[in-house]
Amino acid sequence: MMIQYVCKHCGQHLGSIDDRMFSEEELGLHSLTPSEREGIITYEQNGDKTVQVICEYCQEALELHPELLLISNPLQ
């Protein structure tokens, strides 16, 4: 199964890895609380996972303009 990393703001696909090669501990996913997991990880019917992260472009935009966080979809 694959883990897809996607920017939660702009939707850009950032990469993917085979989850059989790495444990959740190695990926840092084990440290998420159940509510964080629910908000960040989506489980697909085929067994793949999609993890929502922030790309460098969106991170920089949010650092320069933190008021964008007040908008529900600031960078889409």
N, C-alpha and C. Protein backbone atom coordinates (compact mmCIF):
# COMPACT_ATOMS: atom_id res chain seq x y z
N MET A 1 0.84 -1.18 0.00
CA MET A 1 0.00 0.00 0.00
C MET A 1 0.89 1.25 0.00
N MET A 2 0.32 2.32 -0.48
CA MET A 2 1.08 3.56 -0.61
C MET A 2 0.57 4.62 0.37
N ILE A 3 1.49 5.48 0.75
CA ILE A 3 1.14 6.67 1.52
C ILE A 3 1.41 7.85 0.59
N GLN A 4 0.37 8.61 0.30
CA GLN A 4 0.46 9.78 -0.56
C GLN A 4 0.53 11.02 0.34
N TYR A 5 1.47 11.91 0.06
CA TYR A 5 1.58 13.17 0.79
C TYR A 5 1.07 14.28 -0.13
N VAL A 6 0.07 15.04 0.37
CA VAL A 6 -0.59 16.08 -0.41
C VAL A 6 -0.68 17.34 0.45
N CYS A 7 -0.46 18.50 -0.18
CA CYS A 7 -0.60 19.77 0.55
C CYS A 7 -2.07 20.01 0.86
N LYS A 8 -2.36 20.28 2.11
CA LYS A 8 -3.75 20.48 2.51
C LYS A 8 -4.32 21.81 2.04
N HIS A 9 -3.48 22.72 1.59
CA HIS A 9 -3.97 24.03 1.15
C HIS A 9 -4.13 24.10 -0.36
N CYS A 10 -3.12 23.71 -1.10
CA CYS A 10 -3.19 23.85 -2.56
C CYS A 10 -3.44 22.53 -3.28
N GLY A 11 -3.36 21.41 -2.58
CA GLY A 11 -3.64 20.12 -3.18
C GLY A 11 -2.50 19.51 -3.97
N GLN A 12 -1.34 20.15 -3.97
CA GLN A 12 -0.20 19.63 -4.72
C GLN A 12 0.25 18.29 -4.17
N HIS A 13 0.49 17.33 -5.06
CA HIS A 13 1.02 16.03 -4.66
C HIS A 13 2.50 16.21 -4.38
N LEU A 14 2.92 15.89 -3.17
CA LEU A 14 4.31 16.12 -2.76
C LEU A 14 5.16 14.87 -2.83
N GLY A 15 4.54 13.72 -2.85
CA GLY A 15 5.31 12.49 -2.95
C GLY A 15 4.52 11.32 -2.41
N SER A 16 5.09 10.14 -2.59
CA SER A 16 4.46 8.94 -2.07
C SER A 16 5.53 7.94 -1.69
N ILE A 17 5.19 7.09 -0.74
CA ILE A 17 6.11 6.04 -0.32
C ILE A 17 5.32 4.76 -0.09
N ASP A 18 6.00 3.66 -0.17
CA ASP A 18 5.39 2.36 0.09
C ASP A 18 5.38 2.17 1.61
N ASP A 19 4.18 2.03 2.19
CA ASP A 19 4.10 1.95 3.65
C ASP A 19 4.62 0.63 4.21
N ARG A 20 4.92 -0.34 3.34
CA ARG A 20 5.51 -1.59 3.81
C ARG A 20 6.99 -1.43 4.10
N MET A 21 7.59 -0.35 3.61
CA MET A 21 9.02 -0.13 3.80
C MET A 21 9.32 0.62 5.10
N PHE A 22 8.31 1.31 5.65
CA PHE A 22 8.52 2.14 6.84
C PHE A 22 7.39 1.93 7.82
N SER A 23 7.70 1.94 9.09
CA SER A 23 6.67 1.82 10.11
C SER A 23 6.10 3.21 10.41
N GLU A 24 4.96 3.24 11.08
CA GLU A 24 4.38 4.53 11.48
C GLU A 24 5.32 5.27 12.42
N GLU A 25 6.07 4.55 13.23
CA GLU A 25 7.04 5.19 14.13
C GLU A 25 8.14 5.88 13.32
N GLU A 26 8.63 5.23 12.27
CA GLU A 26 9.68 5.82 11.45
C GLU A 26 9.18 7.06 10.71
N LEU A 27 7.90 7.07 10.38
CA LEU A 27 7.31 8.21 9.66
C LEU A 27 6.80 9.29 10.61
N GLY A 28 6.79 9.01 11.90
CA GLY A 28 6.32 9.98 12.89
C GLY A 28 4.82 10.01 13.06
N LEU A 29 4.09 9.13 12.40
CA LEU A 29 2.63 9.13 12.49
C LEU A 29 2.13 8.62 13.83
N HIS A 30 2.94 7.85 14.52
CA HIS A 30 2.53 7.28 15.81
C HIS A 30 2.34 8.35 16.88
N SER A 31 2.97 9.51 16.70
CA SER A 31 2.89 10.57 17.71
C SER A 31 1.63 11.43 17.60
N LEU A 32 0.83 11.19 16.57
CA LEU A 32 -0.41 11.95 16.40
C LEU A 32 -1.48 11.43 17.35
N THR A 33 -2.26 12.35 17.89
CA THR A 33 -3.41 11.95 18.70
C THR A 33 -4.49 11.42 17.77
N PRO A 34 -5.48 10.70 18.31
CA PRO A 34 -6.56 10.22 17.45
C PRO A 34 -7.27 11.33 16.68
N SER A 35 -7.48 12.47 17.30
CA SER A 35 -8.15 13.57 16.58
C SER A 35 -7.24 14.17 15.51
N GLU A 36 -5.94 14.24 15.77
CA GLU A 36 -5.00 14.72 14.76
C GLU A 36 -4.96 13.75 13.58
N ARG A 37 -4.92 12.46 13.87
CA ARG A 37 -4.92 11.45 12.81
C ARG A 37 -6.16 11.61 11.92
N GLU A 38 -7.30 11.83 12.56
CA GLU A 38 -8.55 11.97 11.82
C GLU A 38 -8.51 13.18 10.90
N GLY A 39 -7.86 14.26 11.34
CA GLY A 39 -7.80 15.48 10.55
C GLY A 39 -6.71 15.48 9.49
N ILE A 40 -5.73 14.58 9.61
CA ILE A 40 -4.58 14.61 8.72
C ILE A 40 -4.53 13.42 7.77
N ILE A 41 -4.96 12.24 8.22
CA ILE A 41 -4.82 11.02 7.44
C ILE A 41 -6.18 10.57 6.93
N THR A 42 -6.24 10.29 5.63
CA THR A 42 -7.43 9.73 5.00
C THR A 42 -7.08 8.33 4.54
N TYR A 43 -7.95 7.38 4.85
CA TYR A 43 -7.75 5.99 4.47
C TYR A 43 -8.60 5.68 3.25
N GLU A 44 -7.95 5.27 2.16
CA GLU A 44 -8.64 4.97 0.91
C GLU A 44 -9.15 3.53 0.93
N GLN A 45 -10.13 3.23 0.09
CA GLN A 45 -10.71 1.89 0.04
C GLN A 45 -9.70 0.84 -0.40
N ASN A 46 -8.73 1.22 -1.21
CA ASN A 46 -7.75 0.25 -1.68
C ASN A 46 -6.61 0.01 -0.68
N GLY A 47 -6.69 0.65 0.49
CA GLY A 47 -5.68 0.47 1.52
C GLY A 47 -4.63 1.57 1.57
N ASP A 48 -4.60 2.42 0.56
CA ASP A 48 -3.66 3.53 0.57
C ASP A 48 -4.07 4.56 1.62
N LYS A 49 -3.10 5.38 2.02
CA LYS A 49 -3.36 6.47 2.96
C LYS A 49 -2.95 7.77 2.29
N THR A 50 -3.69 8.83 2.55
CA THR A 50 -3.32 10.16 2.11
C THR A 50 -3.07 10.99 3.35
N VAL A 51 -1.87 11.58 3.43
CA VAL A 51 -1.49 12.40 4.57
C VAL A 51 -1.44 13.84 4.09
N GLN A 52 -2.20 14.70 4.76
CA GLN A 52 -2.22 16.11 4.40
C GLN A 52 -1.15 16.85 5.19
N VAL A 53 -0.25 17.50 4.45
CA VAL A 53 0.83 18.29 5.03
C VAL A 53 0.79 19.67 4.37
N ILE A 54 1.78 20.50 4.60
CA ILE A 54 1.84 21.82 3.98
C ILE A 54 3.10 21.89 3.12
N CYS A 55 2.94 22.27 1.86
CA CYS A 55 4.09 22.40 0.96
C CYS A 55 4.88 23.67 1.31
N GLU A 56 6.08 23.75 0.77
CA GLU A 56 6.95 24.90 1.06
C GLU A 56 6.33 26.22 0.60
N TYR A 57 5.68 26.21 -0.56
CA TYR A 57 5.07 27.42 -1.09
C TYR A 57 3.99 27.95 -0.13
N CYS A 58 3.11 27.05 0.29
CA CYS A 58 2.02 27.47 1.18
C CYS A 58 2.55 27.86 2.55
N GLN A 59 3.56 27.15 3.03
CA GLN A 59 4.15 27.49 4.33
C GLN A 59 4.72 28.90 4.29
N GLU A 60 5.44 29.21 3.21
CA GLU A 60 6.03 30.54 3.08
C GLU A 60 4.93 31.61 2.98
N ALA A 61 3.89 31.33 2.21
CA ALA A 61 2.79 32.29 2.06
C ALA A 61 2.11 32.55 3.40
N LEU A 62 1.92 31.49 4.18
CA LEU A 62 1.27 31.65 5.49
C LEU A 62 2.17 32.37 6.49
N GLU A 63 3.47 32.16 6.39
CA GLU A 63 4.39 32.88 7.27
C GLU A 63 4.41 34.37 6.95
N LEU A 64 4.35 34.69 5.66
CA LEU A 64 4.35 36.10 5.24
C LEU A 64 3.01 36.78 5.47
N HIS A 65 1.92 36.00 5.41
CA HIS A 65 0.58 36.55 5.55
C HIS A 65 -0.25 35.67 6.48
N PRO A 66 0.02 35.71 7.78
CA PRO A 66 -0.69 34.83 8.72
C PRO A 66 -2.20 35.05 8.75
N GLU A 67 -2.66 36.18 8.28
CA GLU A 67 -4.10 36.44 8.25
C GLU A 67 -4.83 35.48 7.31
N LEU A 68 -4.10 34.84 6.40
CA LEU A 68 -4.70 33.85 5.51
C LEU A 68 -5.28 32.66 6.27
N LEU A 69 -4.77 32.40 7.45
CA LEU A 69 -5.28 31.30 8.26
C LEU A 69 -6.72 31.52 8.71
N LEU A 70 -7.19 32.75 8.62
CA LEU A 70 -8.57 33.06 9.01
C LEU A 70 -9.57 32.68 7.93
N ILE A 71 -9.07 32.41 6.73
CA ILE A 71 -9.92 32.03 5.60
C ILE A 71 -9.96 30.50 5.53
N SER A 72 -11.12 29.92 5.25
CA SER A 72 -11.24 28.47 5.25
C SER A 72 -10.36 27.79 4.20
N ASN A 73 -10.24 28.32 3.00
CA ASN A 73 -9.39 27.76 1.95
C ASN A 73 -8.51 28.88 1.37
N PRO A 74 -7.48 29.26 2.10
CA PRO A 74 -6.74 30.46 1.73
C PRO A 74 -5.92 30.37 0.45
N LEU A 75 -5.45 29.21 0.08
CA LEU A 75 -4.50 29.13 -1.02
C LEU A 75 -4.96 28.22 -2.15
N GLN A 76 -6.24 27.94 -2.23
CA GLN A 76 -6.73 27.07 -3.30
C GLN A 76 -7.20 27.87 -4.48
